[in-house]
Amino acid sequence: MLTAQQRVEIDMTTCACGNCQFFDTQSKAAKKAEREAGLCRYNPPLPQAEDETAVWPLVRSKDWCGHFAATVERFMTAAE
């Protein structure tokens, strides 16, 4: 049987950015990112101080936030 701590760790891993429908690893910008990282397509691009461009937030696959949406949900909504 799992301890409470083990259940929390499993839940946090399951609901991590790498499993979110808004986690982008396929775009050109995402492919330039470090390994185990991608772009968050839920949150808007952020302006950069160096120039007048904005970039999507870079997140690691094991990061998480309150906007997690399982990849499956995207297909479930379309099928309804």
N, C-alpha and C. Protein backbone atom coordinates (compact mmCIF):
# COMPACT_ATOMS: atom_id res chain seq x y z
N MET A 1 0.84 -1.18 0.00
CA MET A 1 0.00 0.00 0.00
C MET A 1 0.89 1.25 0.00
N LEU A 2 0.47 2.27 -0.75
CA LEU A 2 1.25 3.50 -0.83
C LEU A 2 1.03 4.39 0.38
N THR A 3 2.09 5.07 0.77
CA THR A 3 1.96 6.05 1.85
C THR A 3 1.35 7.32 1.28
N ALA A 4 0.92 8.21 2.14
CA ALA A 4 0.35 9.49 1.69
C ALA A 4 1.38 10.26 0.86
N GLN A 5 2.63 10.26 1.28
CA GLN A 5 3.69 10.97 0.54
C GLN A 5 3.88 10.38 -0.84
N GLN A 6 3.86 9.06 -0.96
CA GLN A 6 4.02 8.42 -2.26
C GLN A 6 2.86 8.77 -3.18
N ARG A 7 1.63 8.83 -2.65
CA ARG A 7 0.47 9.21 -3.47
C ARG A 7 0.61 10.63 -3.98
N VAL A 8 1.09 11.54 -3.14
CA VAL A 8 1.30 12.94 -3.55
C VAL A 8 2.33 13.00 -4.66
N GLU A 9 3.44 12.27 -4.52
CA GLU A 9 4.49 12.27 -5.54
C GLU A 9 3.98 11.72 -6.86
N ILE A 10 3.17 10.68 -6.83
CA ILE A 10 2.61 10.13 -8.07
C ILE A 10 1.67 11.13 -8.70
N ASP A 11 0.79 11.75 -7.91
CA ASP A 11 -0.15 12.74 -8.43
C ASP A 11 0.58 13.92 -9.05
N MET A 12 1.64 14.40 -8.39
CA MET A 12 2.38 15.54 -8.91
C MET A 12 3.06 15.19 -10.22
N THR A 13 3.54 13.97 -10.36
CA THR A 13 4.18 13.55 -11.60
C THR A 13 3.15 13.41 -12.71
N THR A 14 2.00 12.84 -12.38
CA THR A 14 0.94 12.65 -13.36
C THR A 14 0.41 13.99 -13.86
N CYS A 15 0.26 14.94 -12.97
CA CYS A 15 -0.28 16.25 -13.33
C CYS A 15 0.84 17.24 -13.65
N ALA A 16 1.90 16.76 -14.22
CA ALA A 16 3.05 17.60 -14.55
C ALA A 16 2.92 18.16 -15.98
N CYS A 17 3.68 19.18 -16.27
CA CYS A 17 3.63 19.84 -17.57
C CYS A 17 3.83 18.86 -18.73
N GLY A 18 4.71 17.90 -18.56
CA GLY A 18 4.99 16.95 -19.63
C GLY A 18 3.78 16.13 -20.05
N ASN A 19 2.76 16.06 -19.20
CA ASN A 19 1.54 15.32 -19.50
C ASN A 19 0.36 16.24 -19.82
N CYS A 20 0.60 17.52 -19.93
CA CYS A 20 -0.45 18.51 -20.15
C CYS A 20 -0.67 18.75 -21.64
N GLN A 21 -1.91 18.99 -22.03
CA GLN A 21 -2.20 19.24 -23.43
C GLN A 21 -1.61 20.57 -23.92
N PHE A 22 -1.23 21.45 -23.01
CA PHE A 22 -0.65 22.74 -23.39
C PHE A 22 0.88 22.73 -23.43
N PHE A 23 1.50 21.58 -23.20
CA PHE A 23 2.97 21.44 -23.20
C PHE A 23 3.43 21.21 -24.63
N ASP A 24 4.22 22.13 -25.16
CA ASP A 24 4.67 22.07 -26.56
C ASP A 24 6.15 21.70 -26.63
N THR A 25 6.43 20.58 -27.27
CA THR A 25 7.81 20.17 -27.51
C THR A 25 8.08 20.07 -29.01
N GLN A 26 7.10 20.39 -29.85
CA GLN A 26 7.22 20.17 -31.29
C GLN A 26 7.55 21.41 -32.10
N SER A 27 7.24 22.60 -31.60
CA SER A 27 7.52 23.82 -32.37
C SER A 27 9.03 24.05 -32.46
N LYS A 28 9.42 24.90 -33.39
CA LYS A 28 10.84 25.20 -33.59
C LYS A 28 11.46 25.78 -32.31
N ALA A 29 10.74 26.69 -31.66
CA ALA A 29 11.25 27.29 -30.42
C ALA A 29 11.38 26.26 -29.31
N ALA A 30 10.43 25.34 -29.23
CA ALA A 30 10.47 24.30 -28.19
C ALA A 30 11.64 23.36 -28.41
N LYS A 31 11.93 23.06 -29.66
CA LYS A 31 13.03 22.14 -29.95
C LYS A 31 14.39 22.74 -29.61
N LYS A 32 14.47 24.08 -29.53
CA LYS A 32 15.72 24.74 -29.13
C LYS A 32 15.92 24.69 -27.62
N ALA A 33 14.86 24.40 -26.89
CA ALA A 33 14.91 24.39 -25.42
C ALA A 33 15.76 23.22 -24.92
N GLU A 34 16.13 23.33 -23.67
CA GLU A 34 16.92 22.26 -23.06
C GLU A 34 16.12 20.96 -23.02
N ARG A 35 16.83 19.87 -22.83
CA ARG A 35 16.18 18.56 -22.73
C ARG A 35 15.22 18.54 -21.54
N GLU A 36 14.13 17.82 -21.64
CA GLU A 36 13.11 17.72 -20.59
C GLU A 36 12.36 19.03 -20.41
N ALA A 37 12.38 19.92 -21.42
CA ALA A 37 11.69 21.20 -21.32
C ALA A 37 10.82 21.41 -22.55
N GLY A 38 9.89 22.32 -22.42
CA GLY A 38 9.02 22.67 -23.53
C GLY A 38 8.38 24.02 -23.24
N LEU A 39 7.46 24.42 -24.09
CA LEU A 39 6.79 25.70 -23.94
C LEU A 39 5.39 25.50 -23.38
N CYS A 40 4.98 26.39 -22.50
CA CYS A 40 3.62 26.36 -21.97
C CYS A 40 2.74 27.17 -22.90
N ARG A 41 1.79 26.53 -23.54
CA ARG A 41 0.89 27.21 -24.47
C ARG A 41 -0.40 27.64 -23.80
N TYR A 42 -0.52 27.43 -22.50
CA TYR A 42 -1.70 27.92 -21.78
C TYR A 42 -1.51 29.40 -21.47
N ASN A 43 -0.35 29.73 -20.93
CA ASN A 43 -0.06 31.11 -20.54
C ASN A 43 0.42 31.91 -21.74
N PRO A 44 0.13 33.20 -21.78
CA PRO A 44 0.51 34.02 -22.93
C PRO A 44 2.02 34.25 -23.00
N PRO A 45 2.51 34.59 -24.18
CA PRO A 45 3.93 34.92 -24.31
C PRO A 45 4.30 36.10 -23.41
N LEU A 46 5.52 36.07 -22.89
CA LEU A 46 6.00 37.12 -21.99
C LEU A 46 6.97 38.03 -22.72
N PRO A 47 6.85 39.35 -22.56
CA PRO A 47 7.78 40.27 -23.20
C PRO A 47 9.19 40.10 -22.64
N GLN A 48 10.17 40.30 -23.50
CA GLN A 48 11.57 40.18 -23.10
C GLN A 48 12.19 41.56 -22.96
N ALA A 49 13.00 41.75 -21.94
CA ALA A 49 13.61 43.06 -21.69
C ALA A 49 14.62 43.45 -22.76
N GLU A 50 15.30 42.43 -23.35
CA GLU A 50 16.37 42.71 -24.30
C GLU A 50 15.87 43.31 -25.62
N ASP A 51 14.70 42.92 -26.04
CA ASP A 51 14.17 43.40 -27.32
C ASP A 51 12.66 43.52 -27.25
N GLU A 52 12.03 43.74 -28.36
CA GLU A 52 10.58 43.95 -28.37
C GLU A 52 9.79 42.69 -28.70
N THR A 53 10.38 41.52 -28.50
CA THR A 53 9.67 40.28 -28.78
C THR A 53 9.10 39.70 -27.49
N ALA A 54 8.24 38.74 -27.66
CA ALA A 54 7.68 38.02 -26.52
C ALA A 54 7.86 36.53 -26.77
N VAL A 55 8.03 35.77 -25.72
CA VAL A 55 8.23 34.33 -25.87
C VAL A 55 7.28 33.57 -24.95
N TRP A 56 6.90 32.38 -25.38
CA TRP A 56 6.07 31.50 -24.56
C TRP A 56 6.91 31.06 -23.35
N PRO A 57 6.29 30.90 -22.18
CA PRO A 57 7.04 30.48 -21.00
C PRO A 57 7.69 29.10 -21.19
N LEU A 58 8.94 28.99 -20.81
CA LEU A 58 9.68 27.74 -20.88
C LEU A 58 9.48 27.01 -19.55
N VAL A 59 9.04 25.76 -19.62
CA VAL A 59 8.80 24.95 -18.42
C VAL A 59 9.47 23.59 -18.58
N ARG A 60 9.79 22.97 -17.48
CA ARG A 60 10.34 21.60 -17.50
C ARG A 60 9.18 20.61 -17.48
N SER A 61 9.42 19.43 -17.98
CA SER A 61 8.36 18.42 -18.07
C SER A 61 7.81 18.01 -16.71
N LYS A 62 8.60 18.15 -15.65
CA LYS A 62 8.13 17.75 -14.31
C LYS A 62 7.59 18.92 -13.50
N ASP A 63 7.59 20.13 -14.09
CA ASP A 63 6.96 21.27 -13.42
C ASP A 63 5.45 21.05 -13.43
N TRP A 64 4.73 21.85 -12.67
CA TRP A 64 3.27 21.75 -12.67
C TRP A 64 2.68 23.09 -12.26
N CYS A 65 1.40 23.27 -12.58
CA CYS A 65 0.69 24.47 -12.15
C CYS A 65 -0.79 24.12 -11.97
N GLY A 66 -1.60 25.08 -11.66
CA GLY A 66 -3.02 24.85 -11.44
C GLY A 66 -3.84 24.78 -12.71
N HIS A 67 -3.21 24.94 -13.87
CA HIS A 67 -3.95 24.91 -15.14
C HIS A 67 -3.81 23.59 -15.88
N PHE A 68 -3.32 22.56 -15.21
CA PHE A 68 -3.08 21.28 -15.86
C PHE A 68 -4.36 20.77 -16.53
N ALA A 69 -4.22 20.33 -17.77
CA ALA A 69 -5.32 19.69 -18.49
C ALA A 69 -4.74 18.46 -19.18
N ALA A 70 -5.22 17.31 -18.80
CA ALA A 70 -4.71 16.07 -19.39
C ALA A 70 -4.89 16.09 -20.90
N THR A 71 -3.96 15.52 -21.59
CA THR A 71 -4.01 15.46 -23.05
C THR A 71 -5.30 14.80 -23.52
N VAL A 72 -5.78 13.83 -22.79
CA VAL A 72 -7.00 13.11 -23.15
C VAL A 72 -8.19 14.05 -23.21
N GLU A 73 -8.24 15.05 -22.33
CA GLU A 73 -9.37 15.97 -22.30
C GLU A 73 -9.59 16.68 -23.62
N ARG A 74 -8.52 16.98 -24.34
CA ARG A 74 -8.61 17.66 -25.62
C ARG A 74 -9.44 16.82 -26.59
N PHE A 75 -9.22 15.52 -26.61
CA PHE A 75 -9.94 14.64 -27.52
C PHE A 75 -11.35 14.35 -27.02
N MET A 76 -11.54 14.31 -25.72
CA MET A 76 -12.86 14.05 -25.14
C MET A 76 -13.81 15.19 -25.51
N THR A 77 -13.36 16.42 -25.42
CA THR A 77 -14.19 17.57 -25.72
C THR A 77 -14.59 17.56 -27.21
N ALA A 78 -13.65 17.25 -28.06
CA ALA A 78 -13.93 17.22 -29.49
C ALA A 78 -14.92 16.12 -29.86
N ALA A 79 -14.92 15.05 -29.11
CA ALA A 79 -15.80 13.91 -29.42
C ALA A 79 -17.23 14.14 -28.93
N GLU A 80 -17.41 15.04 -27.99
CA GLU A 80 -18.75 15.26 -27.41
C GLU A 80 -19.64 16.07 -28.31
